[in-house]
PDB file of N, CA and C in Angstrom:
ATOM      1  N   ALA A   1      18.143  -5.959  21.655  1.00  0.00           N
ATOM      2  CA  ALA A   1      18.883  -6.022  22.984  1.00  0.00           C
ATOM      3  C   ALA A   1      20.155  -5.228  23.051  1.00  0.00           C
ATOM      4  N   TYR A   2      20.817  -5.253  21.834  1.00  0.00           N
ATOM      5  CA  TYR A   2      22.127  -4.470  21.725  1.00  0.00           C
ATOM      6  C   TYR A   2      21.774  -2.998  21.856  1.00  0.00           C
ATOM      7  N   ALA A   3      20.680  -2.519  21.325  1.00  0.00           N
ATOM      8  CA  ALA A   3      20.327  -1.169  21.336  1.00  0.00           C
ATOM      9  C   ALA A   3      19.875  -0.758  22.757  1.00  0.00           C
ATOM     10  N   THR A   4      19.078  -1.594  23.439  1.00  0.00           N
ATOM     11  CA  THR A   4      18.755  -1.392  24.763  1.00  0.00           C
ATOM     12  C   THR A   4      19.741  -1.083  25.711  1.00  0.00           C
ATOM     13  N   VAL A   5      20.798  -2.025  25.680  1.00  0.00           N
ATOM     14  CA  VAL A   5      22.043  -1.991  26.655  1.00  0.00           C
ATOM     15  C   VAL A   5      23.058  -1.010  26.156  1.00  0.00           C
ATOM     16  N   GLY A   6      22.946  -0.357  25.049  1.00  0.00           N
ATOM     17  CA  GLY A   6      23.811   0.628  24.625  1.00  0.00           C
ATOM     18  C   GLY A   6      25.105   0.008  23.966  1.00  0.00           C
ATOM     19  N   HIS A   7      25.078  -1.238  23.639  1.00  0.00           N
ATOM     20  CA  HIS A   7      26.224  -1.819  22.945  1.00  0.00           C
ATOM     21  C   HIS A   7      26.092  -1.723  21.378  1.00  0.00           C
ATOM     22  N   TYR A   8      27.106  -1.260  20.784  1.00  0.00           N
ATOM     23  CA  TYR A   8      26.984  -1.005  19.395  1.00  0.00           C
ATOM     24  C   TYR A   8      28.086  -1.727  18.608  1.00  0.00           C
ATOM     25  N   SER A   9      27.675  -2.532  17.615  1.00  0.00           N
ATOM     26  CA  SER A   9      28.694  -3.097  16.709  1.00  0.00           C
ATOM     27  C   SER A   9      28.301  -2.970  15.290  1.00  0.00           C
ATOM     28  N   PRO A  10      28.845  -1.969  14.611  1.00  0.00           N
ATOM     29  CA  PRO A  10      28.508  -1.620  13.371  1.00  0.00           C
ATOM     30  C   PRO A  10      28.515  -2.785  12.325  1.00  0.00           C
ATOM     31  N   GLN A  11      29.557  -3.634  12.523  1.00  0.00           N
ATOM     32  CA  GLN A  11      29.606  -4.920  11.624  1.00  0.00           C
ATOM     33  C   GLN A  11      28.494  -5.883  11.919  1.00  0.00           C
ATOM     34  N   LEU A  12      27.992  -5.958  13.164  1.00  0.00           N
ATOM     35  CA  LEU A  12      26.828  -6.847  13.446  1.00  0.00           C
ATOM     36  C   LEU A  12      25.588  -6.277  12.703  1.00  0.00           C
ATOM     37  N   PHE A  13      25.409  -4.893  13.005  1.00  0.00           N
ATOM     38  CA  PHE A  13      24.209  -4.305  12.325  1.00  0.00           C
ATOM     39  C   PHE A  13      24.232  -4.341  10.930  1.00  0.00           C
ATOM     40  N   ASP A  14      25.482  -4.213  10.143  1.00  0.00           N
ATOM     41  CA  ASP A  14      25.497  -4.319   8.769  1.00  0.00           C
ATOM     42  C   ASP A  14      25.098  -5.786   8.299  1.00  0.00           C
ATOM     43  N   LYS A  15      25.624  -6.739   8.946  1.00  0.00           N
ATOM     44  CA  LYS A  15      25.348  -8.076   8.598  1.00  0.00           C
ATOM     45  C   LYS A  15      23.921  -8.468   8.723  1.00  0.00           C
ATOM     46  N   ILE A  16      23.277  -8.044   9.992  1.00  0.00           N
ATOM     47  CA  ILE A  16      21.920  -8.358  10.144  1.00  0.00           C
ATOM     48  C   ILE A  16      21.090  -7.677   9.115  1.00  0.00           C
ATOM     49  N   ALA A  17      21.357  -6.478   8.698  1.00  0.00           N
ATOM     50  CA  ALA A  17      20.586  -5.752   7.663  1.00  0.00           C
ATOM     51  C   ALA A  17      20.727  -6.586   6.267  1.00  0.00           C
ATOM     52  N   SER A  18      21.914  -7.083   5.941  1.00  0.00           N
ATOM     53  CA  SER A  18      21.981  -7.795   4.705  1.00  0.00           C
ATOM     54  C   SER A  18      21.178  -9.071   4.695  1.00  0.00           C
ATOM     55  N   VAL A  19      21.121  -9.711   5.813  1.00  0.00           N
ATOM     56  CA  VAL A  19      20.285 -10.966   5.944  1.00  0.00           C
ATOM     57  C   VAL A  19      18.816 -10.703   6.020  1.00  0.00           C
ATOM     58  N   ALA A  20      18.533  -9.652   6.876  1.00  0.00           N
ATOM     59  CA  ALA A  20      17.126  -9.388   7.184  1.00  0.00           C
ATOM     60  C   ALA A  20      16.321  -8.858   5.802  1.00  0.00           C
ATOM     61  N   ILE A  21      17.094  -8.073   5.058  1.00  0.00           N
ATOM     62  CA  ILE A  21      16.444  -7.549   3.837  1.00  0.00           C
ATOM     63  C   ILE A  21      15.851  -8.674   2.924  1.00  0.00           C
ATOM     64  N   ARG A  22      16.471  -9.787   3.114  1.00  0.00           N
ATOM     65  CA  ARG A  22      15.934 -10.880   2.136  1.00  0.00           C
ATOM     66  C   ARG A  22      14.698 -11.679   2.765  1.00  0.00           C
ATOM     67  N   CYS A  23      14.372 -11.261   4.063  1.00  0.00           N
ATOM     68  CA  CYS A  23      13.278 -12.061   4.623  1.00  0.00           C
ATOM     69  C   CYS A  23      12.336 -11.165   5.494  1.00  0.00           C
ATOM     70  N   LEU A  24      12.350  -9.868   5.202  1.00  0.00           N
ATOM     71  CA  LEU A  24      11.390  -8.950   5.919  1.00  0.00           C
ATOM     72  C   LEU A  24      10.047  -9.197   5.665  1.00  0.00           C
ATOM     73  N   ASP A  25       9.663  -9.861   4.553  1.00  0.00           N
ATOM     74  CA  ASP A  25       8.194 -10.167   4.314  1.00  0.00           C
ATOM     75  C   ASP A  25       7.710 -11.139   5.304  1.00  0.00           C
ATOM     76  N   GLU A  26       8.518 -11.851   5.933  1.00  0.00           N
ATOM     77  CA  GLU A  26       8.188 -12.851   7.050  1.00  0.00           C
ATOM     78  C   GLU A  26       8.104 -12.242   8.405  1.00  0.00           C
ATOM     79  N   PHE A  27       8.490 -10.993   8.617  1.00  0.00           N
ATOM     80  CA  PHE A  27       8.508 -10.262   9.869  1.00  0.00           C
ATOM     81  C   PHE A  27       7.073  -9.857  10.139  1.00  0.00           C
ATOM     82  N   SER A  28       6.769  -9.974  11.513  1.00  0.00           N
ATOM     83  CA  SER A  28       5.479  -9.330  11.914  1.00  0.00           C
ATOM     84  C   SER A  28       5.604  -7.793  11.931  1.00  0.00           C
ATOM     85  N   PRO A  29       4.584  -7.107  12.015  1.00  0.00           N
ATOM     86  CA  PRO A  29       4.621  -5.621  12.108  1.00  0.00           C
ATOM     87  C   PRO A  29       5.426  -5.205  13.283  1.00  0.00           C
ATOM     88  N   GLN A  30       5.166  -5.966  14.403  1.00  0.00           N
ATOM     89  CA  GLN A  30       6.159  -5.479  15.600  1.00  0.00           C
ATOM     90  C   GLN A  30       7.538  -5.797  15.347  1.00  0.00           C
ATOM     91  N   ALA A  31       7.938  -6.834  14.584  1.00  0.00           N
ATOM     92  CA  ALA A  31       9.343  -7.165  14.374  1.00  0.00           C
ATOM     93  C   ALA A  31       9.788  -6.141  13.402  1.00  0.00           C
ATOM     94  N   LEU A  32       9.005  -5.668  12.455  1.00  0.00           N
ATOM     95  CA  LEU A  32       9.425  -4.625  11.489  1.00  0.00           C
ATOM     96  C   LEU A  32       9.854  -3.315  12.353  1.00  0.00           C
ATOM     97  N   ALA A  33       8.881  -2.924  13.146  1.00  0.00           N
ATOM     98  CA  ALA A  33       9.020  -1.671  13.971  1.00  0.00           C
ATOM     99  C   ALA A  33      10.268  -1.789  14.951  1.00  0.00           C
ATOM    100  N   ASN A  34      10.338  -2.993  15.441  1.00  0.00           N
ATOM    101  CA  ASN A  34      11.393  -3.144  16.531  1.00  0.00           C
ATOM    102  C   ASN A  34      12.767  -3.157  15.800  1.00  0.00           C
ATOM    103  N   THR A  35      12.836  -3.653  14.584  1.00  0.00           N
ATOM    104  CA  THR A  35      14.061  -3.606  13.789  1.00  0.00           C
ATOM    105  C   THR A  35      14.535  -2.245  13.403  1.00  0.00           C
ATOM    106  N   VAL A  36      13.635  -1.472  12.847  1.00  0.00           N
ATOM    107  CA  VAL A  36      14.009  -0.006  12.490  1.00  0.00           C
ATOM    108  C   VAL A  36      14.216   0.829  13.811  1.00  0.00           C
ATOM    109  N   TRP A  37      13.607   0.474  14.889  1.00  0.00           N
ATOM    110  CA  TRP A  37      13.759   1.120  16.219  1.00  0.00           C
ATOM    111  C   TRP A  37      15.111   0.921  16.755  1.00  0.00           C
ATOM    112  N   ALA A  38      15.640  -0.338  16.501  1.00  0.00           N
ATOM    113  CA  ALA A  38      16.996  -0.698  17.046  1.00  0.00           C
ATOM    114  C   ALA A  38      18.041   0.064  16.274  1.00  0.00           C
ATOM    115  N   TYR A  39      17.872   0.072  14.976  1.00  0.00           N
ATOM    116  CA  TYR A  39      18.775   0.707  14.148  1.00  0.00           C
ATOM    117  C   TYR A  39      18.906   2.209  14.490  1.00  0.00           C
ATOM    118  N   ALA A  40      17.717   2.837  14.648  1.00  0.00           N
ATOM    119  CA  ALA A  40      17.636   4.288  14.930  1.00  0.00           C
ATOM    120  C   ALA A  40      18.216   4.570  16.313  1.00  0.00           C
ATOM    121  N   SER A  41      17.979   3.714  17.269  1.00  0.00           N
ATOM    122  CA  SER A  41      18.412   3.853  18.639  1.00  0.00           C
ATOM    123  C   SER A  41      19.942   3.930  18.767  1.00  0.00           C
ATOM    124  N   VAL A  42      20.587   3.164  17.901  1.00  0.00           N
ATOM    125  CA  VAL A  42      22.075   3.204  17.954  1.00  0.00           C
ATOM    126  C   VAL A  42      22.693   4.220  16.990  1.00  0.00           C
ATOM    127  N   GLY A  43      21.808   4.764  16.155  1.00  0.00           N
ATOM    128  CA  GLY A  43      22.240   5.678  15.159  1.00  0.00           C
ATOM    129  C   GLY A  43      22.855   5.056  13.995  1.00  0.00           C
ATOM    130  N   HIS A  44      22.500   3.819  13.673  1.00  0.00           N
ATOM    131  CA  HIS A  44      23.087   3.226  12.574  1.00  0.00           C
ATOM    132  C   HIS A  44      22.315   3.287  11.316  1.00  0.00           C
ATOM    133  N   SER A  45      22.970   3.897  10.132  1.00  0.00           N
ATOM    134  CA  SER A  45      22.372   4.127   9.005  1.00  0.00           C
ATOM    135  C   SER A  45      22.375   2.880   8.075  1.00  0.00           C
ATOM    136  N   SER A  46      21.208   2.448   7.583  1.00  0.00           N
ATOM    137  CA  SER A  46      21.052   1.350   6.678  1.00  0.00           C
ATOM    138  C   SER A  46      20.037   1.641   5.735  1.00  0.00           C
ATOM    139  N   PRO A  47      20.146   2.598   4.838  1.00  0.00           N
ATOM    140  CA  PRO A  47      19.195   2.952   3.849  1.00  0.00           C
ATOM    141  C   PRO A  47      18.502   1.756   3.089  1.00  0.00           C
ATOM    142  N   GLU A  48      19.250   0.809   2.662  1.00  0.00           N
ATOM    143  CA  GLU A  48      18.607  -0.399   1.978  1.00  0.00           C
ATOM    144  C   GLU A  48      17.606  -1.128   2.830  1.00  0.00           C
ATOM    145  N   LEU A  49      17.900  -1.216   4.154  1.00  0.00           N
ATOM    146  CA  LEU A  49      17.047  -1.913   5.159  1.00  0.00           C
ATOM    147  C   LEU A  49      15.709  -1.037   5.345  1.00  0.00           C
ATOM    148  N   PHE A  50      15.976   0.233   5.387  1.00  0.00           N
ATOM    149  CA  PHE A  50      14.788   1.095   5.744  1.00  0.00           C
ATOM    150  C   PHE A  50      14.000   1.233   4.466  1.00  0.00           C
ATOM    151  N   ASP A  51      14.598   1.204   3.314  1.00  0.00           N
ATOM    152  CA  ASP A  51      13.817   1.289   2.112  1.00  0.00           C
ATOM    153  C   ASP A  51      12.939  -0.014   2.002  1.00  0.00           C
ATOM    154  N   LYS A  52      13.589  -1.098   2.258  1.00  0.00           N
ATOM    155  CA  LYS A  52      12.907  -2.487   2.189  1.00  0.00           C
ATOM    156  C   LYS A  52      11.796  -2.495   3.170  1.00  0.00           C
ATOM    157  N   VAL A  53      11.948  -1.990   4.367  1.00  0.00           N
ATOM    158  CA  VAL A  53      10.941  -2.009   5.448  1.00  0.00           C
ATOM    159  C   VAL A  53       9.653  -1.233   4.844  1.00  0.00           C
ATOM    160  N   VAL A  54       9.932  -0.095   4.140  1.00  0.00           N
ATOM    161  CA  VAL A  54       8.814   0.701   3.566  1.00  0.00           C
ATOM    162  C   VAL A  54       8.079  -0.096   2.622  1.00  0.00           C
ATOM    163  N   GLU A  55       8.774  -0.748   1.789  1.00  0.00           N
ATOM    164  CA  GLU A  55       8.202  -1.613   0.796  1.00  0.00           C
ATOM    165  C   GLU A  55       7.298  -2.796   1.275  1.00  0.00           C
ATOM    166  N   VAL A  56       7.733  -3.332   2.437  1.00  0.00           N
ATOM    167  CA  VAL A  56       7.101  -4.492   2.986  1.00  0.00           C
ATOM    168  C   VAL A  56       5.971  -3.968   3.902  1.00  0.00           C
ATOM    169  N   ALA A  57       6.172  -2.825   4.603  1.00  0.00           N
ATOM    170  CA  ALA A  57       5.211  -2.406   5.610  1.00  0.00           C
ATOM    171  C   ALA A  57       3.990  -1.637   5.036  1.00  0.00           C
ATOM    172  N   LEU A  58       4.167  -0.828   3.961  1.00  0.00           N
ATOM    173  CA  LEU A  58       3.113  -0.045   3.466  1.00  0.00           C
ATOM    174  C   LEU A  58       1.876  -0.895   3.128  1.00  0.00           C
ATOM    175  N   PRO A  59       1.900  -2.010   2.513  1.00  0.00           N
ATOM    176  CA  PRO A  59       0.705  -2.743   2.175  1.00  0.00           C
ATOM    177  C   PRO A  59       0.089  -3.347   3.422  1.00  0.00           C
ATOM    178  N   ARG A  60       0.863  -3.486   4.529  1.00  0.00           N
ATOM    179  CA  ARG A  60       0.350  -4.173   5.613  1.00  0.00           C
ATOM    180  C   ARG A  60       0.096  -3.123   6.833  1.00  0.00           C
ATOM    181  N   LEU A  61       0.036  -1.769   6.585  1.00  0.00           N
ATOM    182  CA  LEU A  61      -0.137  -0.830   7.745  1.00  0.00           C
ATOM    183  C   LEU A  61      -1.310  -1.171   8.552  1.00  0.00           C
ATOM    184  N   CYS A  62      -2.416  -1.664   7.938  1.00  0.00           N
ATOM    185  CA  CYS A  62      -3.565  -2.037   8.845  1.00  0.00           C
ATOM    186  C   CYS A  62      -3.331  -3.099   9.841  1.00  0.00           C
ATOM    187  N   GLU A  63      -2.332  -3.774   9.679  1.00  0.00           N
ATOM    188  CA  GLU A  63      -1.923  -4.850  10.678  1.00  0.00           C
ATOM    189  C   GLU A  63      -1.146  -4.271  11.858  1.00  0.00           C
ATOM    190  N   PHE A  64      -0.614  -3.108  11.689  1.00  0.00           N
ATOM    191  CA  PHE A  64       0.275  -2.433  12.763  1.00  0.00           C
ATOM    192  C   PHE A  64      -0.647  -1.937  13.825  1.00  0.00           C
ATOM    193  N   THR A  65      -0.163  -2.124  15.105  1.00  0.00           N
ATOM    194  CA  THR A  65      -0.755  -1.416  16.279  1.00  0.00           C
ATOM    195  C   THR A  65      -0.399  -0.057  16.300  1.00  0.00           C
ATOM    196  N   SER A  66      -0.920   0.769  17.102  1.00  0.00           N
ATOM    197  CA  SER A  66      -0.622   2.188  17.146  1.00  0.00           C
ATOM    198  C   SER A  66       0.939   2.290  17.724  1.00  0.00           C
ATOM    199  N   GLN A  67       1.257   1.300  18.652  1.00  0.00           N
ATOM    200  CA  GLN A  67       2.563   1.330  19.000  1.00  0.00           C
ATOM    201  C   GLN A  67       3.641   0.992  18.038  1.00  0.00           C
ATOM    202  N   ASP A  68       3.274   0.043  17.090  1.00  0.00           N
ATOM    203  CA  ASP A  68       4.153  -0.398  15.993  1.00  0.00           C
ATOM    204  C   ASP A  68       4.316   0.925  15.097  1.00  0.00           C
ATOM    205  N   ILE A  69       3.243   1.655  14.838  1.00  0.00           N
ATOM    206  CA  ILE A  69       3.354   2.899  14.015  1.00  0.00           C
ATOM    207  C   ILE A  69       4.158   3.783  14.621  1.00  0.00           C
ATOM    208  N   ALA A  70       3.933   4.199  15.900  1.00  0.00           N
ATOM    209  CA  ALA A  70       4.668   5.080  16.615  1.00  0.00           C
ATOM    210  C   ALA A  70       6.149   4.843  16.634  1.00  0.00           C
ATOM    211  N   ASN A  71       6.509   3.617  16.825  1.00  0.00           N
ATOM    212  CA  ASN A  71       7.872   3.212  16.874  1.00  0.00           C
ATOM    213  C   ASN A  71       8.556   3.333  15.462  1.00  0.00           C
ATOM    214  N   THR A  72       7.785   3.014  14.546  1.00  0.00           N
ATOM    215  CA  THR A  72       8.401   3.071  13.104  1.00  0.00           C
ATOM    216  C   THR A  72       8.601   4.377  12.663  1.00  0.00           C
ATOM    217  N   VAL A  73       7.487   5.295  13.046  1.00  0.00           N
ATOM    218  CA  VAL A  73       7.548   6.757  12.636  1.00  0.00           C
ATOM    219  C   VAL A  73       8.834   7.318  13.385  1.00  0.00           C
ATOM    220  N   TRP A  74       8.995   7.019  14.592  1.00  0.00           N
ATOM    221  CA  TRP A  74       9.985   7.641  15.382  1.00  0.00           C
ATOM    222  C   TRP A  74      11.409   7.214  14.864  1.00  0.00           C
ATOM    223  N   ALA A  75      11.558   5.943  14.406  1.00  0.00           N
ATOM    224  CA  ALA A  75      12.784   5.423  13.845  1.00  0.00           C
ATOM    225  C   ALA A  75      13.209   6.122  12.550  1.00  0.00           C
ATOM    226  N   TYR A  76      12.135   6.239  11.688  1.00  0.00           N
ATOM    227  CA  TYR A  76      12.422   7.039  10.461  1.00  0.00           C
ATOM    228  C   TYR A  76      12.830   8.536  10.725  1.00  0.00           C
ATOM    229  N   ALA A  77      11.996   9.102  11.556  1.00  0.00           N
ATOM    230  CA  ALA A  77      12.332  10.524  11.877  1.00  0.00           C
ATOM    231  C   ALA A  77      13.610  10.679  12.495  1.00  0.00           C
ATOM    232  N   THR A  78      14.130   9.751  13.340  1.00  0.00           N
ATOM    233  CA  THR A  78      15.352   9.841  14.046  1.00  0.00           C
ATOM    234  C   THR A  78      16.549   9.678  13.072  1.00  0.00           C
ATOM    235  N   VAL A  79      16.410   8.808  12.111  1.00  0.00           N
ATOM    236  CA  VAL A  79      17.558   8.624  11.175  1.00  0.00           C
ATOM    237  C   VAL A  79      17.441   9.569   9.936  1.00  0.00           C
ATOM    238  N   GLY A  80      16.362  10.241   9.840  1.00  0.00           N
ATOM    239  CA  GLY A  80      16.238  11.127   8.840  1.00  0.00           C
ATOM    240  C   GLY A  80      16.038  10.465   7.485  1.00  0.00           C
ATOM    241  N   HIS A  81      15.217   9.367   7.541  1.00  0.00           N
ATOM    242  CA  HIS A  81      14.946   8.619   6.288  1.00  0.00           C
ATOM    243  C   HIS A  81      13.661   8.971   5.763  1.00  0.00           C
TER     244      HIS A  81
END
């Protein structure tokens, strides 16, 4: 929601990343895609978060819809990760 309305709070994004990293394995493919999309949309760099999403997503790629994959690839390309 923050990314969609253009509001950006670096402190909030940093805190969310630190919490999310610990439970990303519980995220649905859409939630993983939406998370990295939000970070890329506001231009917030979080290498640890993006690395952990790779670790969690790769074994589950067959569960991703084409939209999940497109959003995830866009996010990684946008942040240059």
